[in-house]
N, C-alpha and C. Protein backbone atom coordinates (compact mmCIF):
# COMPACT_ATOMS: atom_id res chain seq x y z
N MET A 1 0.51 -1.15 -0.87
CA MET A 1 -0.03 -0.01 0.06
C MET A 1 0.78 1.49 0.19
N PRO A 2 0.85 2.04 -0.92
CA PRO A 2 2.10 3.81 -1.20
C PRO A 2 1.59 4.24 0.00
N ARG A 3 2.32 4.79 0.46
CA ARG A 3 1.94 5.43 1.92
C ARG A 3 1.55 7.31 1.24
N PRO A 4 1.65 8.06 2.15
CA PRO A 4 0.81 9.16 1.93
C PRO A 4 1.59 9.69 1.66
N ASN A 5 1.86 11.14 0.93
CA ASN A 5 2.92 12.02 0.65
C ASN A 5 3.33 12.45 2.25
N CYS A 6 4.88 12.85 2.04
CA CYS A 6 5.22 13.60 2.98
C CYS A 6 5.53 14.94 2.80
N VAL A 7 5.79 15.68 3.82
CA VAL A 7 6.48 17.18 3.62
C VAL A 7 7.59 16.99 4.08
N ILE A 8 8.82 17.74 3.01
CA ILE A 8 10.19 18.14 3.32
C ILE A 8 11.02 19.61 3.00
N ASN A 9 10.99 20.04 4.55
CA ASN A 9 11.33 21.48 5.01
C ASN A 9 12.65 21.47 4.15
N LEU A 10 13.18 22.46 3.64
CA LEU A 10 14.43 23.38 3.50
C LEU A 10 14.50 24.38 3.41
N ARG A 11 15.68 24.69 4.58
CA ARG A 11 15.86 26.26 3.36
C ARG A 11 16.79 26.91 3.16
N ALA A 12 16.76 28.35 2.31
CA ALA A 12 17.54 28.28 0.75
C ALA A 12 17.51 30.10 1.28
N ARG A 13 19.09 30.33 0.62
CA ARG A 13 19.02 31.99 0.55
C ARG A 13 18.77 32.57 -0.97
N GLU A 14 18.19 33.58 -0.65
CA GLU A 14 17.30 34.17 -1.87
C GLU A 14 17.47 33.65 -3.11
N PRO A 15 19.24 34.05 -3.16
CA PRO A 15 19.63 34.05 -4.22
C PRO A 15 19.64 32.81 -4.79
N GLN A 16 19.50 31.62 -4.08
CA GLN A 16 19.33 29.80 -4.14
C GLN A 16 17.98 29.87 -4.61
N ARG A 17 17.41 30.47 -4.19
CA ARG A 17 15.79 30.55 -4.84
C ARG A 17 15.42 30.71 -5.93
N GLU A 18 15.90 31.86 -6.31
CA GLU A 18 16.02 32.26 -7.11
C GLU A 18 15.98 32.07 -8.50
N LEU A 19 17.26 31.08 -8.58
CA LEU A 19 17.92 30.38 -9.71
C LEU A 19 16.98 29.51 -10.17
N ILE A 20 16.36 28.47 -8.68
CA ILE A 20 15.97 27.40 -8.87
C ILE A 20 13.98 27.56 -9.09
N ASP A 21 13.81 28.92 -9.05
CA ASP A 21 13.01 29.24 -9.91
C ASP A 21 13.06 29.29 -11.25
N ARG A 22 14.06 30.22 -11.58
CA ARG A 22 14.08 30.53 -12.85
C ARG A 22 14.78 29.18 -13.57
N ALA A 23 14.89 27.85 -13.52
CA ALA A 23 15.53 26.88 -13.92
C ALA A 23 14.33 26.18 -13.81
N ALA A 24 13.41 26.02 -13.06
CA ALA A 24 11.85 25.32 -12.95
C ALA A 24 10.87 25.83 -14.05
N GLU A 25 11.01 27.02 -14.17
CA GLU A 25 10.29 28.19 -15.30
C GLU A 25 10.72 27.38 -16.60
N VAL A 26 12.24 27.24 -16.65
CA VAL A 26 12.88 26.93 -18.45
C VAL A 26 12.01 25.56 -18.66
N GLN A 27 12.01 25.23 -17.34
CA GLN A 27 11.68 23.32 -17.91
C GLN A 27 10.21 23.18 -17.49
N GLY A 28 8.94 24.11 -17.51
CA GLY A 28 7.75 24.49 -17.30
C GLY A 28 7.24 23.51 -16.11
N LYS A 29 8.29 23.59 -14.66
CA LYS A 29 7.45 23.10 -13.23
C LYS A 29 7.94 24.14 -12.33
N ASN A 30 6.88 23.30 -12.07
CA ASN A 30 7.08 24.82 -10.47
C ASN A 30 8.04 23.84 -9.34
N ARG A 31 8.77 25.36 -8.59
CA ARG A 31 9.89 24.66 -7.86
C ARG A 31 9.71 23.60 -6.85
N THR A 32 8.22 23.01 -5.92
CA THR A 32 8.17 21.48 -5.49
C THR A 32 8.63 20.13 -6.65
N GLU A 33 8.00 20.53 -7.59
CA GLU A 33 8.59 19.47 -8.88
C GLU A 33 9.70 19.17 -9.37
N PHE A 34 10.32 20.38 -9.33
CA PHE A 34 11.83 21.21 -10.00
C PHE A 34 13.18 20.15 -8.77
N MET A 35 12.77 20.80 -7.29
CA MET A 35 13.79 20.15 -6.68
C MET A 35 13.06 18.62 -6.20
N LEU A 36 12.25 18.47 -5.85
CA LEU A 36 11.97 16.90 -5.88
C LEU A 36 12.59 16.31 -6.97
N ASN A 37 12.47 16.48 -8.47
CA ASN A 37 12.83 16.14 -9.75
C ASN A 37 14.59 15.45 -9.12
N ALA A 38 15.29 16.99 -9.29
CA ALA A 38 16.51 16.88 -9.28
C ALA A 38 17.00 16.66 -7.97
N ALA A 39 16.33 15.80 -6.57
CA ALA A 39 17.05 16.00 -5.81
C ALA A 39 16.92 13.56 -5.76
N VAL A 40 16.20 13.41 -6.20
CA VAL A 40 15.68 12.11 -6.60
C VAL A 40 16.71 11.70 -7.48
N ASP A 41 16.80 12.04 -8.79
CA ASP A 41 17.82 12.47 -9.90
C ASP A 41 19.21 12.00 -8.71
N ARG A 42 19.61 13.23 -8.33
CA ARG A 42 21.13 12.82 -7.03
C ARG A 42 21.14 11.73 -7.11
N ALA A 43 20.16 11.10 -6.02
CA ALA A 43 20.03 10.27 -4.83
C ALA A 43 20.32 9.06 -5.74
N ASN A 44 20.09 8.96 -7.57
CA ASN A 44 20.01 7.69 -7.59
C ASN A 44 21.41 7.77 -8.55
N ASP A 45 21.49 8.48 -8.76
CA ASP A 45 23.13 8.88 -9.52
C ASP A 45 24.43 8.25 -8.05
N VAL A 46 23.75 9.15 -6.87
CA VAL A 46 24.93 8.40 -5.64
C VAL A 46 24.90 7.49 -5.38
N LEU A 47 23.93 7.21 -5.52
CA LEU A 47 23.48 5.17 -4.65
C LEU A 47 23.81 3.92 -6.18
N SER A 48 23.40 4.75 -7.53
CA SER A 48 23.68 3.78 -8.12
C SER A 48 25.70 2.93 -8.47
N SER A 49 26.51 4.25 -8.00
CA SER A 49 28.19 4.49 -8.40
C SER A 49 28.07 3.63 -6.69
N ARG A 50 27.54 2.85 -6.06
CA ARG A 50 27.53 2.12 -4.95
C ARG A 50 27.62 1.06 -5.05
N GLN A 51 27.06 0.76 -6.50
CA GLN A 51 26.67 -0.68 -6.41
C GLN A 51 27.60 -1.44 -6.67
N VAL A 52 27.07 -3.51 -5.55
CA VAL A 52 27.28 -4.41 -5.65
C VAL A 52 27.30 -5.20 -5.92
N PHE A 53 28.06 -6.05 -6.61
CA PHE A 53 28.29 -7.11 -7.53
C PHE A 53 29.05 -8.33 -6.33
N HIS A 54 27.91 -9.20 -6.55
CA HIS A 54 28.20 -10.89 -5.94
C HIS A 54 28.35 -11.70 -7.34
N VAL A 55 29.50 -12.27 -6.76
CA VAL A 55 29.71 -13.05 -7.65
C VAL A 55 30.68 -14.38 -7.48
N ASP A 56 30.66 -15.87 -7.59
CA ASP A 56 31.28 -16.36 -7.39
C ASP A 56 32.78 -16.97 -7.74
N GLU A 57 33.78 -17.27 -7.33
CA GLU A 57 35.20 -17.19 -7.34
C GLU A 57 35.76 -17.42 -9.03
N GLU A 58 34.98 -18.32 -9.27
CA GLU A 58 35.65 -19.06 -10.86
C GLU A 58 35.64 -17.60 -11.32
N THR A 59 33.53 -16.44 -11.24
CA THR A 59 33.81 -15.70 -12.39
C THR A 59 34.23 -14.31 -11.86
N PHE A 60 34.95 -14.38 -11.35
CA PHE A 60 35.82 -13.08 -10.32
C PHE A 60 37.31 -13.30 -10.84
N LEU A 61 37.08 -15.21 -11.02
CA LEU A 61 39.37 -14.79 -11.54
C LEU A 61 39.12 -14.79 -12.83
N ARG A 62 37.76 -15.07 -13.32
CA ARG A 62 37.86 -14.74 -14.74
C ARG A 62 37.92 -13.16 -15.25
N PHE A 63 37.12 -12.68 -14.36
CA PHE A 63 36.92 -11.36 -14.23
C PHE A 63 38.59 -10.62 -14.22
N VAL A 64 38.88 -10.99 -13.03
CA VAL A 64 40.68 -10.00 -13.02
C VAL A 64 40.88 -10.95 -14.56
N ALA A 65 41.46 -12.00 -15.04
CA ALA A 65 42.47 -12.19 -15.56
C ALA A 65 42.16 -11.23 -17.08
N ALA A 66 40.60 -11.40 -17.51
CA ALA A 66 40.09 -10.25 -18.47
C ALA A 66 40.99 -8.68 -18.40
N LEU A 67 40.99 -8.36 -17.09
CA LEU A 67 40.88 -6.72 -16.34
C LEU A 67 42.81 -6.81 -16.85
N ASP A 68 43.23 -7.90 -16.47
CA ASP A 68 45.03 -8.03 -16.71
C ASP A 68 44.97 -8.61 -18.16
N ALA A 69 44.25 -8.86 -18.61
CA ALA A 69 45.06 -9.10 -20.18
C ALA A 69 45.56 -8.12 -20.54
N PRO A 70 46.46 -7.69 -22.00
CA PRO A 70 46.99 -7.49 -22.68
C PRO A 70 46.15 -6.68 -23.42
N ILE A 71 45.80 -5.61 -24.37
CA ILE A 71 45.63 -4.64 -25.00
C ILE A 71 45.49 -5.89 -26.43
N GLU A 72 44.25 -5.94 -27.04
CA GLU A 72 44.30 -6.75 -28.31
C GLU A 72 44.25 -5.32 -29.55
N PRO A 73 45.27 -4.94 -30.42
CA PRO A 73 45.13 -3.60 -31.44
C PRO A 73 43.34 -4.06 -32.48
N ASN A 74 42.90 -2.55 -32.08
CA ASN A 74 41.67 -2.35 -32.54
C ASN A 74 41.79 -1.45 -33.29
N PRO A 75 42.51 -1.50 -34.67
CA PRO A 75 42.30 -0.78 -35.66
C PRO A 75 40.79 0.33 -36.13
N ARG A 76 40.05 -0.21 -35.56
CA ARG A 76 39.01 1.21 -36.03
C ARG A 76 38.75 1.79 -34.57
N LEU A 77 38.67 1.17 -33.37
CA LEU A 77 39.05 2.14 -32.23
C LEU A 77 40.30 3.15 -32.43
N GLU A 78 41.34 2.65 -32.77
CA GLU A 78 43.28 3.81 -33.13
C GLU A 78 42.04 4.91 -34.13
N ARG A 79 41.43 4.20 -35.31
CA ARG A 79 41.12 5.56 -36.28
C ARG A 79 39.77 6.49 -35.58
N LEU A 80 39.29 5.91 -34.61
CA LEU A 80 38.00 7.18 -33.98
C LEU A 80 38.48 7.97 -33.36
N LEU A 81 39.82 7.03 -32.72
CA LEU A 81 40.35 8.24 -31.60
C LEU A 81 41.27 9.02 -32.06
N ALA A 82 41.98 9.21 -33.52
CA ALA A 82 42.69 10.08 -34.91
C ALA A 82 41.81 11.03 -35.62
N THR A 83 40.20 10.52 -35.16
CA THR A 83 39.89 11.44 -35.64
C THR A 83 39.84 13.11 -35.51
N PRO A 84 39.59 13.93 -35.21
CA PRO A 84 39.58 15.17 -34.96
C PRO A 84 37.69 15.57 -34.34
N ALA A 85 36.95 15.72 -33.58
CA ALA A 85 36.45 15.57 -33.34
C ALA A 85 35.63 16.50 -33.90
N PRO A 86 33.63 16.78 -34.43
CA PRO A 86 33.45 17.55 -35.31
C PRO A 86 34.09 19.32 -34.90
N TRP A 87 33.19 19.22 -33.52
CA TRP A 87 34.33 20.94 -33.23
C TRP A 87 35.42 21.38 -33.02
N GLU A 88 36.84 20.54 -33.47
CA GLU A 88 37.89 20.80 -33.34
C GLU A 88 38.38 21.02 -34.72
N ARG A 89 37.36 20.44 -36.05
CA ARG A 89 37.48 20.87 -37.51
C ARG A 89 37.51 22.20 -37.54
């Protein structure tokens, strides 16, 4: 069963609030929508960077071996890296 909405209070300086309001307006959102979306996006970023993968020993050893293996030549990748980016032309 979903929990009812809850209130989150915070204080901001006037210039911070004005900045948030301008950004919210640009996106067609109100302050609450903008701040909640931004906070949820950032929370997801923080938590996803701490993801842990559990594998058995054999899988872990294969993974480490792949990391330690010498890099094989990749002509397509070398060509791509040697090509100037469009904004550098």
